[in-house]
N, C-alpha and C. Protein backbone atom coordinates (compact mmCIF):
# COMPACT_ATOMS: atom_id res chain seq x y z
N MET A 1 -40.39 -9.41 -82.81
CA MET A 1 -39.33 -9.16 -81.86
C MET A 1 -39.60 -7.90 -81.05
N GLU A 2 -40.16 -6.88 -81.69
CA GLU A 2 -40.42 -5.61 -81.00
C GLU A 2 -41.36 -5.82 -79.82
N ILE A 3 -42.39 -6.64 -79.97
CA ILE A 3 -43.33 -6.90 -78.88
C ILE A 3 -42.62 -7.59 -77.73
N TYR A 4 -41.71 -8.51 -78.02
CA TYR A 4 -40.97 -9.20 -76.97
C TYR A 4 -40.18 -8.21 -76.13
N TYR A 5 -39.50 -7.28 -76.76
CA TYR A 5 -38.75 -6.27 -76.04
C TYR A 5 -39.67 -5.38 -75.21
N GLN A 6 -40.81 -4.98 -75.76
CA GLN A 6 -41.71 -4.08 -75.06
C GLN A 6 -42.27 -4.72 -73.79
N ASN A 7 -42.43 -6.00 -73.79
CA ASN A 7 -43.01 -6.69 -72.64
C ASN A 7 -41.97 -7.26 -71.68
N ASN A 8 -40.70 -7.05 -71.95
CA ASN A 8 -39.65 -7.63 -71.11
C ASN A 8 -38.54 -6.62 -70.84
N PRO A 9 -38.77 -5.67 -69.94
CA PRO A 9 -37.74 -4.66 -69.68
C PRO A 9 -36.45 -5.27 -69.15
N LEU A 10 -36.55 -6.37 -68.42
CA LEU A 10 -35.33 -7.03 -67.94
C LEU A 10 -34.51 -7.59 -69.09
N TYR A 11 -35.19 -8.12 -70.12
CA TYR A 11 -34.48 -8.65 -71.28
C TYR A 11 -33.76 -7.52 -72.02
N ILE A 12 -34.38 -6.36 -72.08
CA ILE A 12 -33.73 -5.22 -72.74
C ILE A 12 -32.42 -4.90 -72.02
N CYS A 13 -32.48 -4.84 -70.69
CA CYS A 13 -31.28 -4.54 -69.90
C CYS A 13 -30.23 -5.65 -70.06
N TYR A 14 -30.66 -6.90 -69.96
CA TYR A 14 -29.74 -8.03 -70.10
C TYR A 14 -29.07 -8.01 -71.47
N ASP A 15 -29.85 -7.79 -72.51
CA ASP A 15 -29.31 -7.78 -73.86
C ASP A 15 -28.33 -6.63 -74.06
N ALA A 16 -28.65 -5.48 -73.48
CA ALA A 16 -27.75 -4.33 -73.57
C ALA A 16 -26.43 -4.61 -72.86
N MET A 17 -26.50 -5.18 -71.67
CA MET A 17 -25.28 -5.49 -70.91
C MET A 17 -24.43 -6.51 -71.66
N LYS A 18 -25.07 -7.52 -72.22
CA LYS A 18 -24.34 -8.54 -72.98
C LYS A 18 -23.66 -7.92 -74.19
N SER A 19 -24.36 -7.07 -74.91
CA SER A 19 -23.79 -6.42 -76.09
C SER A 19 -22.61 -5.53 -75.70
N CYS A 20 -22.74 -4.80 -74.61
CA CYS A 20 -21.64 -3.93 -74.16
C CYS A 20 -20.44 -4.75 -73.70
N ALA A 21 -20.67 -5.86 -73.05
CA ALA A 21 -19.57 -6.72 -72.62
C ALA A 21 -18.80 -7.27 -73.83
N LEU A 22 -19.54 -7.67 -74.85
CA LEU A 22 -18.88 -8.19 -76.06
C LEU A 22 -18.11 -7.08 -76.77
N ALA A 23 -18.67 -5.89 -76.82
CA ALA A 23 -17.97 -4.76 -77.44
C ALA A 23 -16.71 -4.42 -76.65
N ALA A 24 -16.80 -4.45 -75.32
CA ALA A 24 -15.64 -4.15 -74.47
C ALA A 24 -14.54 -5.19 -74.69
N GLN A 25 -14.92 -6.44 -74.80
CA GLN A 25 -13.94 -7.49 -75.05
C GLN A 25 -13.22 -7.24 -76.38
N ASN A 26 -13.97 -6.89 -77.41
CA ASN A 26 -13.36 -6.62 -78.70
C ASN A 26 -12.44 -5.40 -78.64
N LEU A 27 -12.84 -4.38 -77.91
CA LEU A 27 -12.01 -3.19 -77.74
C LEU A 27 -10.69 -3.56 -77.05
N MET A 28 -10.77 -4.39 -76.01
CA MET A 28 -9.56 -4.79 -75.29
C MET A 28 -8.65 -5.67 -76.16
N LEU A 29 -9.25 -6.54 -76.96
CA LEU A 29 -8.45 -7.36 -77.88
C LEU A 29 -7.77 -6.50 -78.94
N ALA A 30 -8.49 -5.50 -79.45
CA ALA A 30 -7.90 -4.59 -80.44
C ALA A 30 -6.76 -3.80 -79.83
N ALA A 31 -6.92 -3.35 -78.58
CA ALA A 31 -5.85 -2.62 -77.90
C ALA A 31 -4.61 -3.50 -77.76
N THR A 32 -4.81 -4.75 -77.39
CA THR A 32 -3.69 -5.69 -77.27
C THR A 32 -2.99 -5.87 -78.61
N GLU A 33 -3.77 -6.00 -79.66
CA GLU A 33 -3.20 -6.16 -81.01
C GLU A 33 -2.37 -4.94 -81.41
N MET A 34 -2.73 -3.78 -80.89
CA MET A 34 -1.99 -2.55 -81.20
C MET A 34 -0.82 -2.32 -80.24
N GLY A 35 -0.59 -3.27 -79.34
CA GLY A 35 0.55 -3.17 -78.43
C GLY A 35 0.26 -2.49 -77.11
N TYR A 36 -0.99 -2.26 -76.80
CA TYR A 36 -1.37 -1.63 -75.53
C TYR A 36 -1.89 -2.67 -74.55
N ASP A 37 -1.87 -2.31 -73.29
CA ASP A 37 -2.49 -3.14 -72.26
C ASP A 37 -3.83 -2.52 -71.92
N SER A 38 -4.73 -3.33 -71.41
CA SER A 38 -6.04 -2.83 -71.02
C SER A 38 -6.56 -3.62 -69.84
N THR A 39 -7.47 -3.01 -69.12
CA THR A 39 -8.12 -3.70 -68.02
C THR A 39 -9.48 -3.07 -67.76
N PRO A 40 -10.47 -3.90 -67.43
CA PRO A 40 -11.75 -3.32 -67.03
C PRO A 40 -11.59 -2.68 -65.65
N MET A 41 -12.26 -1.57 -65.44
CA MET A 41 -12.13 -0.86 -64.17
C MET A 41 -13.35 -1.11 -63.30
N GLY A 42 -13.12 -1.18 -62.02
CA GLY A 42 -14.21 -1.34 -61.05
C GLY A 42 -14.03 -0.35 -59.92
N ASP A 43 -14.90 -0.43 -58.96
CA ASP A 43 -14.82 0.42 -57.76
C ASP A 43 -14.80 1.90 -58.07
N TYR A 44 -15.70 2.33 -58.93
CA TYR A 44 -15.86 3.75 -59.18
C TYR A 44 -17.33 4.09 -59.03
N SER A 45 -17.62 5.34 -58.83
CA SER A 45 -18.99 5.79 -58.65
C SER A 45 -19.63 6.01 -60.02
N HIS A 46 -20.59 5.17 -60.35
CA HIS A 46 -21.28 5.32 -61.63
C HIS A 46 -21.98 6.67 -61.72
N SER A 47 -22.58 7.10 -60.63
CA SER A 47 -23.32 8.37 -60.68
C SER A 47 -22.37 9.56 -60.84
N GLN A 48 -21.21 9.52 -60.17
CA GLN A 48 -20.26 10.62 -60.32
C GLN A 48 -19.68 10.66 -61.73
N LEU A 49 -19.36 9.48 -62.28
CA LEU A 49 -18.83 9.44 -63.64
C LEU A 49 -19.88 9.92 -64.63
N ALA A 50 -21.12 9.51 -64.43
CA ALA A 50 -22.21 9.96 -65.31
C ALA A 50 -22.32 11.47 -65.28
N GLU A 51 -22.14 12.05 -64.10
CA GLU A 51 -22.20 13.52 -63.99
C GLU A 51 -21.03 14.17 -64.72
N ILE A 52 -19.84 13.60 -64.56
CA ILE A 52 -18.64 14.16 -65.20
C ILE A 52 -18.76 14.17 -66.72
N VAL A 53 -19.27 13.07 -67.28
CA VAL A 53 -19.38 12.99 -68.74
C VAL A 53 -20.72 13.50 -69.26
N ARG A 54 -21.54 14.06 -68.35
CA ARG A 54 -22.85 14.60 -68.70
C ARG A 54 -23.73 13.57 -69.42
N LEU A 55 -23.78 12.39 -68.83
CA LEU A 55 -24.55 11.29 -69.40
C LEU A 55 -26.05 11.59 -69.33
N PRO A 56 -26.77 11.46 -70.43
CA PRO A 56 -28.22 11.68 -70.39
C PRO A 56 -28.90 10.70 -69.43
N ASP A 57 -30.03 11.10 -68.88
CA ASP A 57 -30.74 10.27 -67.90
C ASP A 57 -31.18 8.91 -68.46
N ASN A 58 -31.40 8.83 -69.75
CA ASN A 58 -31.87 7.56 -70.32
C ASN A 58 -30.71 6.67 -70.80
N HIS A 59 -29.49 6.90 -70.29
CA HIS A 59 -28.32 6.09 -70.60
C HIS A 59 -27.73 5.52 -69.30
N ILE A 60 -26.96 4.45 -69.42
CA ILE A 60 -26.28 3.88 -68.26
C ILE A 60 -24.83 3.59 -68.63
N ILE A 61 -23.98 3.56 -67.64
CA ILE A 61 -22.58 3.17 -67.83
C ILE A 61 -22.50 1.68 -67.55
N THR A 62 -22.02 0.93 -68.51
CA THR A 62 -21.92 -0.52 -68.30
C THR A 62 -20.51 -0.95 -67.92
N MET A 63 -19.50 -0.21 -68.38
CA MET A 63 -18.14 -0.62 -68.09
C MET A 63 -17.18 0.51 -68.44
N CYS A 64 -16.11 0.59 -67.67
CA CYS A 64 -15.01 1.50 -68.00
C CYS A 64 -13.78 0.64 -68.26
N ILE A 65 -13.00 1.04 -69.23
CA ILE A 65 -11.80 0.28 -69.60
C ILE A 65 -10.62 1.23 -69.62
N ALA A 66 -9.56 0.85 -68.94
CA ALA A 66 -8.32 1.61 -68.99
C ALA A 66 -7.44 1.00 -70.08
N ILE A 67 -6.92 1.83 -70.97
CA ILE A 67 -6.05 1.37 -72.05
C ILE A 67 -4.81 2.25 -72.05
N GLY A 68 -3.65 1.62 -72.12
CA GLY A 68 -2.41 2.39 -72.16
C GLY A 68 -1.20 1.49 -72.18
N GLU A 69 -0.05 2.10 -71.96
CA GLU A 69 1.19 1.33 -71.92
C GLU A 69 1.49 0.94 -70.48
N LYS A 70 1.80 -0.33 -70.29
CA LYS A 70 2.07 -0.85 -68.95
C LYS A 70 3.36 -0.25 -68.41
N VAL A 71 3.31 0.25 -67.18
CA VAL A 71 4.48 0.80 -66.53
C VAL A 71 5.21 -0.31 -65.75
N LYS A 72 4.42 -1.16 -65.10
CA LYS A 72 4.98 -2.30 -64.38
C LYS A 72 3.94 -3.41 -64.37
N SER A 73 4.39 -4.61 -64.08
CA SER A 73 3.48 -5.74 -64.04
C SER A 73 2.59 -5.66 -62.81
N ALA A 74 1.40 -6.17 -62.94
CA ALA A 74 0.46 -6.19 -61.82
C ALA A 74 0.94 -7.18 -60.77
N PRO A 75 0.67 -6.89 -59.50
CA PRO A 75 1.06 -7.84 -58.46
C PRO A 75 0.22 -9.11 -58.59
N PRO A 76 0.73 -10.22 -58.10
CA PRO A 76 -0.06 -11.46 -58.19
C PRO A 76 -1.37 -11.32 -57.40
N ARG A 77 -2.39 -11.92 -57.92
CA ARG A 77 -3.69 -11.85 -57.25
C ARG A 77 -3.75 -12.90 -56.15
N PRO A 78 -4.14 -12.51 -54.96
CA PRO A 78 -4.26 -13.49 -53.88
C PRO A 78 -5.46 -14.39 -54.10
N GLY A 79 -5.33 -15.61 -53.68
CA GLY A 79 -6.46 -16.53 -53.71
C GLY A 79 -6.82 -17.09 -55.06
N GLU A 80 -5.92 -17.02 -56.03
CA GLU A 80 -6.26 -17.62 -57.32
C GLU A 80 -6.42 -19.13 -57.17
N MET A 81 -7.41 -19.64 -57.87
CA MET A 81 -7.69 -21.07 -57.78
C MET A 81 -6.83 -21.84 -58.78
N ASP A 82 -6.57 -23.07 -58.46
CA ASP A 82 -5.82 -23.94 -59.35
C ASP A 82 -6.63 -24.18 -60.62
N TYR A 83 -5.95 -24.22 -61.73
CA TYR A 83 -6.57 -24.43 -63.05
C TYR A 83 -7.52 -25.63 -63.03
N ASN A 84 -7.09 -26.73 -62.46
CA ASN A 84 -7.90 -27.96 -62.47
C ASN A 84 -9.12 -27.86 -61.57
N ASP A 85 -9.17 -26.85 -60.70
CA ASP A 85 -10.34 -26.67 -59.85
C ASP A 85 -11.44 -25.88 -60.54
N VAL A 86 -11.13 -25.22 -61.65
CA VAL A 86 -12.13 -24.39 -62.31
C VAL A 86 -12.42 -24.79 -63.75
N ILE A 87 -11.63 -25.67 -64.32
CA ILE A 87 -11.84 -26.12 -65.70
C ILE A 87 -12.39 -27.55 -65.67
N TYR A 88 -13.49 -27.74 -66.36
CA TYR A 88 -14.11 -29.06 -66.46
C TYR A 88 -14.27 -29.43 -67.93
N TYR A 89 -14.06 -30.67 -68.23
CA TYR A 89 -14.20 -31.16 -69.60
C TYR A 89 -15.37 -32.12 -69.67
N ASN A 90 -16.33 -31.81 -70.54
CA ASN A 90 -17.49 -32.66 -70.80
C ASN A 90 -18.35 -32.94 -69.58
N ARG A 91 -18.25 -32.13 -68.56
CA ARG A 91 -19.09 -32.28 -67.38
C ARG A 91 -18.99 -30.98 -66.57
N PHE A 92 -19.95 -30.76 -65.69
CA PHE A 92 -19.90 -29.56 -64.88
C PHE A 92 -19.13 -29.81 -63.58
N THR A 93 -19.41 -30.90 -62.91
CA THR A 93 -18.68 -31.20 -61.67
C THR A 93 -18.17 -32.61 -61.67
């Protein structure tokens, strides 16, 4: 397995991102179980955040998650697709 990783830098990155996404999902589920709300955050500067937290050069930020008590409900998202347009059973299209 070690040789596979050494010869596939893209696989290393893909595997790291997948692992972080699964960890983030578990963190968000645990927060919900504890009575908190959570959401993944976007639209932030990865480089500025890395500077703020003094992230070492050989590390990357994969995701930020906000966890806390909801003050108000989120506004409806525009352009949501109908359930039947995105869910398929036993076929892709």
